[in-house]
PDB file of N, CA and C in Angstrom:
ATOM      1  N   MET A   1       0.855  -1.163  -0.029  1.00  0.00           N
ATOM      2  CA  MET A   1       0.024   0.075  -0.062  1.00  0.00           C
ATOM      3  C   MET A   1       0.774   1.116  -0.013  1.00  0.00           C
ATOM      4  N   THR A   2       0.464   2.277  -0.805  1.00  0.00           N
ATOM      5  CA  THR A   2       1.248   3.456  -0.780  1.00  0.00           C
ATOM      6  C   THR A   2       0.860   4.432   0.268  1.00  0.00           C
ATOM      7  N   GLU A   3       1.937   5.230   0.730  1.00  0.00           N
ATOM      8  CA  GLU A   3       1.778   6.172   1.767  1.00  0.00           C
ATOM      9  C   GLU A   3       0.831   7.319   1.382  1.00  0.00           C
ATOM     10  N   ARG A   4       0.026   7.708   2.267  1.00  0.00           N
ATOM     11  CA  ARG A   4      -0.807   9.005   2.094  1.00  0.00           C
ATOM     12  C   ARG A   4      -0.019  10.084   1.879  1.00  0.00           C
ATOM     13  N   ARG A   5      -0.328  11.037   1.077  1.00  0.00           N
ATOM     14  CA  ARG A   5       0.435  12.207   0.897  1.00  0.00           C
ATOM     15  C   ARG A   5      -0.303  13.320   1.832  1.00  0.00           C
ATOM     16  N   ARG A   6       0.431  13.984   2.667  1.00  0.00           N
ATOM     17  CA  ARG A   6      -0.136  14.900   3.614  1.00  0.00           C
ATOM     18  C   ARG A   6       0.258  16.254   3.129  1.00  0.00           C
ATOM     19  N   VAL A   7      -0.727  17.230   3.143  1.00  0.00           N
ATOM     20  CA  VAL A   7      -0.490  18.485   2.785  1.00  0.00           C
ATOM     21  C   VAL A   7      -0.811  19.488   3.900  1.00  0.00           C
ATOM     22  N   LYS A   8      -0.005  20.343   4.412  1.00  0.00           N
ATOM     23  CA  LYS A   8      -0.222  21.283   5.420  1.00  0.00           C
ATOM     24  C   LYS A   8      -0.801  22.497   4.781  1.00  0.00           C
ATOM     25  N   GLN A   9      -2.016  22.774   5.195  1.00  0.00           N
ATOM     26  CA  GLN A   9      -2.644  24.046   4.513  1.00  0.00           C
ATOM     27  C   GLN A   9      -2.097  25.281   5.104  1.00  0.00           C
ATOM     28  N   THR A  10      -1.827  26.362   4.373  1.00  0.00           N
ATOM     29  CA  THR A  10      -1.277  27.586   4.858  1.00  0.00           C
ATOM     30  C   THR A  10      -2.436  28.574   5.101  1.00  0.00           C
ATOM     31  N   TYR A  11      -3.466  28.380   4.564  1.00  0.00           N
ATOM     32  CA  TYR A  11      -4.635  29.311   4.804  1.00  0.00           C
ATOM     33  C   TYR A  11      -5.776  28.449   5.432  1.00  0.00           C
ATOM     34  N   SER A  12      -6.586  29.209   6.158  1.00  0.00           N
ATOM     35  CA  SER A  12      -7.781  28.392   6.722  1.00  0.00           C
ATOM     36  C   SER A  12      -8.654  28.007   5.695  1.00  0.00           C
ATOM     37  N   LEU A  13      -9.754  27.129   6.088  1.00  0.00           N
ATOM     38  CA  LEU A  13     -10.688  26.673   5.072  1.00  0.00           C
ATOM     39  C   LEU A  13     -11.616  27.893   4.713  1.00  0.00           C
ATOM     40  N   GLU A  14     -11.994  28.673   5.552  1.00  0.00           N
ATOM     41  CA  GLU A  14     -12.719  29.931   5.482  1.00  0.00           C
ATOM     42  C   GLU A  14     -12.119  30.762   4.405  1.00  0.00           C
ATOM     43  N   GLU A  15     -10.812  31.061   4.413  1.00  0.00           N
ATOM     44  CA  GLU A  15     -10.123  31.928   3.528  1.00  0.00           C
ATOM     45  C   GLU A  15     -10.043  31.225   2.133  1.00  0.00           C
ATOM     46  N   ARG A  16      -9.736  29.988   2.107  1.00  0.00           N
ATOM     47  CA  ARG A  16      -9.742  29.231   0.792  1.00  0.00           C
ATOM     48  C   ARG A  16     -10.982  29.294   0.082  1.00  0.00           C
ATOM     49  N   LEU A  17     -12.194  29.160   0.946  1.00  0.00           N
ATOM     50  CA  LEU A  17     -13.450  29.119   0.233  1.00  0.00           C
ATOM     51  C   LEU A  17     -13.722  30.482  -0.222  1.00  0.00           C
ATOM     52  N   ALA A  18     -13.499  31.524   0.512  1.00  0.00           N
ATOM     53  CA  ALA A  18     -13.747  32.822   0.136  1.00  0.00           C
ATOM     54  C   ALA A  18     -13.073  33.342  -1.105  1.00  0.00           C
ATOM     55  N   GLU A  19     -11.699  32.826  -1.087  1.00  0.00           N
ATOM     56  CA  GLU A  19     -10.927  33.151  -2.414  1.00  0.00           C
ATOM     57  C   GLU A  19     -11.516  32.418  -3.610  1.00  0.00           C
ATOM     58  N   LEU A  20     -11.925  31.180  -3.332  1.00  0.00           N
ATOM     59  CA  LEU A  20     -12.526  30.466  -4.532  1.00  0.00           C
ATOM     60  C   LEU A  20     -13.788  31.170  -4.857  1.00  0.00           C
ATOM     61  N   ALA A  21     -14.589  31.778  -4.023  1.00  0.00           N
ATOM     62  CA  ALA A  21     -15.923  32.295  -4.477  1.00  0.00           C
ATOM     63  C   ALA A  21     -15.541  33.717  -5.131  1.00  0.00           C
ATOM     64  N   THR A  22     -14.518  34.343  -4.735  1.00  0.00           N
ATOM     65  CA  THR A  22     -13.983  35.502  -5.552  1.00  0.00           C
ATOM     66  C   THR A  22     -13.582  35.271  -6.890  1.00  0.00           C
ATOM     67  N   ARG A  23     -12.792  34.136  -7.115  1.00  0.00           N
ATOM     68  CA  ARG A  23     -12.394  33.654  -8.414  1.00  0.00           C
ATOM     69  C   ARG A  23     -13.495  33.305  -9.446  1.00  0.00           C
ATOM     70  N   TYR A  24     -14.489  32.565  -8.715  1.00  0.00           N
ATOM     71  CA  TYR A  24     -15.787  32.126  -9.531  1.00  0.00           C
ATOM     72  C   TYR A  24     -16.382  33.409 -10.009  1.00  0.00           C
ATOM     73  N   LYS A  25     -16.646  34.431  -8.996  1.00  0.00           N
ATOM     74  CA  LYS A  25     -17.367  35.671  -9.531  1.00  0.00           C
ATOM     75  C   LYS A  25     -16.575  36.442 -10.574  1.00  0.00           C
ATOM     76  N   GLU A  26     -15.289  36.378 -10.506  1.00  0.00           N
ATOM     77  CA  GLU A  26     -14.576  37.155 -11.503  1.00  0.00           C
ATOM     78  C   GLU A  26     -14.612  36.382 -12.859  1.00  0.00           C
ATOM     79  N   GLN A  27     -14.731  35.229 -12.893  1.00  0.00           N
ATOM     80  CA  GLN A  27     -14.908  34.323 -14.030  1.00  0.00           C
ATOM     81  C   GLN A  27     -16.276  34.520 -14.600  1.00  0.00           C
ATOM     82  N   ALA A  28     -17.301  34.608 -13.761  1.00  0.00           N
ATOM     83  CA  ALA A  28     -18.681  34.714 -14.345  1.00  0.00           C
ATOM     84  C   ALA A  28     -18.827  36.147 -14.817  1.00  0.00           C
ATOM     85  N   SER A  29     -18.151  37.119 -14.238  1.00  0.00           N
ATOM     86  CA  SER A  29     -18.394  38.603 -14.782  1.00  0.00           C
ATOM     87  C   SER A  29     -17.795  38.721 -16.198  1.00  0.00           C
ATOM     88  N   ALA A  30     -16.856  37.843 -16.517  1.00  0.00           N
ATOM     89  CA  ALA A  30     -16.257  37.890 -18.010  1.00  0.00           C
ATOM     90  C   ALA A  30     -17.151  37.073 -18.979  1.00  0.00           C
ATOM     91  N   LEU A  31     -18.165  36.483 -18.504  1.00  0.00           N
ATOM     92  CA  LEU A  31     -18.911  35.665 -19.462  1.00  0.00           C
ATOM     93  C   LEU A  31     -20.299  36.426 -19.766  1.00  0.00           C
ATOM     94  N   PRO A  32     -20.999  36.106 -20.889  1.00  0.00           N
ATOM     95  CA  PRO A  32     -22.273  36.703 -21.243  1.00  0.00           C
ATOM     96  C   PRO A  32     -23.346  35.982 -20.437  1.00  0.00           C
ATOM     97  N   ALA A  33     -24.461  36.543 -20.262  1.00  0.00           N
ATOM     98  CA  ALA A  33     -25.405  35.920 -19.544  1.00  0.00           C
ATOM     99  C   ALA A  33     -25.791  34.551 -20.245  1.00  0.00           C
ATOM    100  N   GLY A  34     -25.966  33.487 -19.383  1.00  0.00           N
ATOM    101  CA  GLY A  34     -26.310  32.277 -19.951  1.00  0.00           C
ATOM    102  C   GLY A  34     -26.183  31.308 -18.717  1.00  0.00           C
ATOM    103  N   ALA A  35     -26.109  29.921 -19.217  1.00  0.00           N
ATOM    104  CA  ALA A  35     -26.141  28.793 -18.148  1.00  0.00           C
ATOM    105  C   ALA A  35     -24.805  28.700 -17.431  1.00  0.00           C
ATOM    106  N   GLU A  36     -23.864  28.943 -18.401  1.00  0.00           N
ATOM    107  CA  GLU A  36     -22.393  28.750 -17.825  1.00  0.00           C
ATOM    108  C   GLU A  36     -22.207  29.829 -16.701  1.00  0.00           C
ATOM    109  N   ARG A  37     -22.597  31.095 -17.064  1.00  0.00           N
ATOM    110  CA  ARG A  37     -22.297  32.116 -16.019  1.00  0.00           C
ATOM    111  C   ARG A  37     -23.166  31.882 -14.788  1.00  0.00           C
ATOM    112  N   GLU A  38     -24.339  31.409 -14.929  1.00  0.00           N
ATOM    113  CA  GLU A  38     -25.232  31.132 -13.664  1.00  0.00           C
ATOM    114  C   GLU A  38     -24.579  29.811 -12.906  1.00  0.00           C
ATOM    115  N   ALA A  39     -23.990  28.911 -13.591  1.00  0.00           N
ATOM    116  CA  ALA A  39     -23.402  27.856 -12.857  1.00  0.00           C
ATOM    117  C   ALA A  39     -22.227  28.349 -11.946  1.00  0.00           C
ATOM    118  N   LEU A  40     -21.378  29.281 -12.626  1.00  0.00           N
ATOM    119  CA  LEU A  40     -20.255  29.777 -11.891  1.00  0.00           C
ATOM    120  C   LEU A  40     -20.750  30.735 -10.678  1.00  0.00           C
ATOM    121  N   LEU A  41     -21.885  31.474 -10.778  1.00  0.00           N
ATOM    122  CA  LEU A  41     -22.325  32.404  -9.799  1.00  0.00           C
ATOM    123  C   LEU A  41     -22.899  31.360  -8.651  1.00  0.00           C
ATOM    124  N   ARG A  42     -23.472  30.197  -8.990  1.00  0.00           N
ATOM    125  CA  ARG A  42     -24.025  29.353  -8.035  1.00  0.00           C
ATOM    126  C   ARG A  42     -22.974  28.662  -7.114  1.00  0.00           C
ATOM    127  N   LYS A  43     -21.739  28.435  -7.975  1.00  0.00           N
ATOM    128  CA  LYS A  43     -20.629  27.832  -7.214  1.00  0.00           C
ATOM    129  C   LYS A  43     -20.078  28.781  -6.270  1.00  0.00           C
ATOM    130  N   ALA A  44     -20.106  30.072  -6.658  1.00  0.00           N
ATOM    131  CA  ALA A  44     -19.542  31.154  -5.908  1.00  0.00           C
ATOM    132  C   ALA A  44     -20.494  31.267  -4.572  1.00  0.00           C
ATOM    133  N   ARG A  45     -21.806  31.282  -4.809  1.00  0.00           N
ATOM    134  CA  ARG A  45     -22.597  31.256  -3.635  1.00  0.00           C
ATOM    135  C   ARG A  45     -22.471  30.214  -2.639  1.00  0.00           C
ATOM    136  N   LEU A  46     -22.386  28.885  -3.252  1.00  0.00           N
ATOM    137  CA  LEU A  46     -22.087  27.719  -2.377  1.00  0.00           C
ATOM    138  C   LEU A  46     -20.697  27.921  -1.592  1.00  0.00           C
ATOM    139  N   ALA A  47     -19.628  28.230  -2.383  1.00  0.00           N
ATOM    140  CA  ALA A  47     -18.467  28.511  -1.601  1.00  0.00           C
ATOM    141  C   ALA A  47     -18.596  29.448  -0.499  1.00  0.00           C
ATOM    142  N   ASN A  48     -19.110  30.584  -0.782  1.00  0.00           N
ATOM    143  CA  ASN A  48     -19.366  31.614   0.282  1.00  0.00           C
ATOM    144  C   ASN A  48     -20.148  31.153   1.407  1.00  0.00           C
ATOM    145  N   THR A  49     -21.152  30.383   1.003  1.00  0.00           N
ATOM    146  CA  THR A  49     -21.957  29.842   2.137  1.00  0.00           C
ATOM    147  C   THR A  49     -21.287  28.863   3.025  1.00  0.00           C
ATOM    148  N   GLY A  50     -20.271  28.023   2.470  1.00  0.00           N
ATOM    149  CA  GLY A  50     -19.621  27.216   3.069  1.00  0.00           C
ATOM    150  C   GLY A  50     -18.616  27.844   4.082  1.00  0.00           C
ATOM    151  N   ALA A  51     -17.960  28.901   3.486  1.00  0.00           N
ATOM    152  CA  ALA A  51     -17.098  29.723   4.401  1.00  0.00           C
ATOM    153  C   ALA A  51     -17.783  30.237   5.679  1.00  0.00           C
ATOM    154  N   HIS A  52     -19.106  30.754   5.445  1.00  0.00           N
ATOM    155  CA  HIS A  52     -19.859  31.234   6.582  1.00  0.00           C
ATOM    156  C   HIS A  52     -20.213  30.041   7.605  1.00  0.00           C
ATOM    157  N   ILE A  53     -20.606  29.019   7.002  1.00  0.00           N
ATOM    158  CA  ILE A  53     -21.065  27.822   7.997  1.00  0.00           C
ATOM    159  C   ILE A  53     -19.756  27.385   8.662  1.00  0.00           C
ATOM    160  N   SER A  54     -18.592  27.181   7.983  1.00  0.00           N
ATOM    161  CA  SER A  54     -17.456  26.841   8.683  1.00  0.00           C
ATOM    162  C   SER A  54     -16.965  27.814   9.763  1.00  0.00           C
ATOM    163  N   ASP A  55     -17.044  29.125   9.419  1.00  0.00           N
ATOM    164  CA  ASP A  55     -16.665  30.087  10.452  1.00  0.00           C
ATOM    165  C   ASP A  55     -17.701  29.995  11.635  1.00  0.00           C
ATOM    166  N   TRP A  56     -18.918  29.921  11.426  1.00  0.00           N
ATOM    167  CA  TRP A  56     -20.002  29.829  12.537  1.00  0.00           C
ATOM    168  C   TRP A  56     -19.763  28.670  13.310  1.00  0.00           C
ATOM    169  N   LEU A  57     -19.431  27.358  12.728  1.00  0.00           N
ATOM    170  CA  LEU A  57     -19.015  26.155  13.347  1.00  0.00           C
ATOM    171  C   LEU A  57     -17.918  26.281  14.283  1.00  0.00           C
ATOM    172  N   SER A  58     -16.891  27.021  13.920  1.00  0.00           N
ATOM    173  CA  SER A  58     -15.666  27.181  14.663  1.00  0.00           C
ATOM    174  C   SER A  58     -15.706  28.379  15.674  1.00  0.00           C
ATOM    175  N   SER A  59     -16.782  29.129  15.768  1.00  0.00           N
ATOM    176  CA  SER A  59     -16.948  30.176  16.562  1.00  0.00           C
ATOM    177  C   SER A  59     -17.058  29.735  18.086  1.00  0.00           C
ATOM    178  N   PRO A  60     -16.435  30.659  19.012  1.00  0.00           N
ATOM    179  CA  PRO A  60     -16.214  30.282  20.413  1.00  0.00           C
ATOM    180  C   PRO A  60     -17.751  30.408  21.064  1.00  0.00           C
ATOM    181  N   GLY A  61     -18.843  30.952  20.559  1.00  0.00           N
ATOM    182  CA  GLY A  61     -20.163  31.186  20.888  1.00  0.00           C
ATOM    183  C   GLY A  61     -20.858  29.847  20.822  1.00  0.00           C
ATOM    184  N   LEU A  62     -20.519  28.993  19.956  1.00  0.00           N
ATOM    185  CA  LEU A  62     -21.252  27.854  19.579  1.00  0.00           C
ATOM    186  C   LEU A  62     -21.227  26.791  20.731  1.00  0.00           C
ATOM    187  N   GLN A  63     -22.281  26.356  21.323  1.00  0.00           N
ATOM    188  CA  GLN A  63     -22.223  25.382  22.352  1.00  0.00           C
ATOM    189  C   GLN A  63     -22.623  23.975  21.815  1.00  0.00           C
ATOM    190  N   SER A  64     -21.891  22.995  22.446  1.00  0.00           N
ATOM    191  CA  SER A  64     -22.273  21.647  22.055  1.00  0.00           C
ATOM    192  C   SER A  64     -23.482  21.253  22.728  1.00  0.00           C
ATOM    193  N   PRO A  65     -24.307  20.413  22.039  1.00  0.00           N
ATOM    194  CA  PRO A  65     -25.573  19.974  22.549  1.00  0.00           C
ATOM    195  C   PRO A  65     -25.455  18.908  23.670  1.00  0.00           C
ATOM    196  N   ASN A  66     -26.036  19.212  24.951  1.00  0.00           N
ATOM    197  CA  ASN A  66     -25.818  18.287  26.016  1.00  0.00           C
ATOM    198  C   ASN A  66     -27.244  17.757  26.403  1.00  0.00           C
TER     199      ASN A  66
END
């Protein structure tokens, strides 16, 4: 069996998702209105939502259910 390749992330998940969302929005702005542009904008919204959820889950105010 081969060894698993480990990668140390230099940026947090939230930062990487926010950067991905920005990149998708920039790509979408260069396209004319249509299905491909809408798909990129949807991916940008999903990445942005994922960043917010991850940030919320790691917030100190979140209490574990007991």
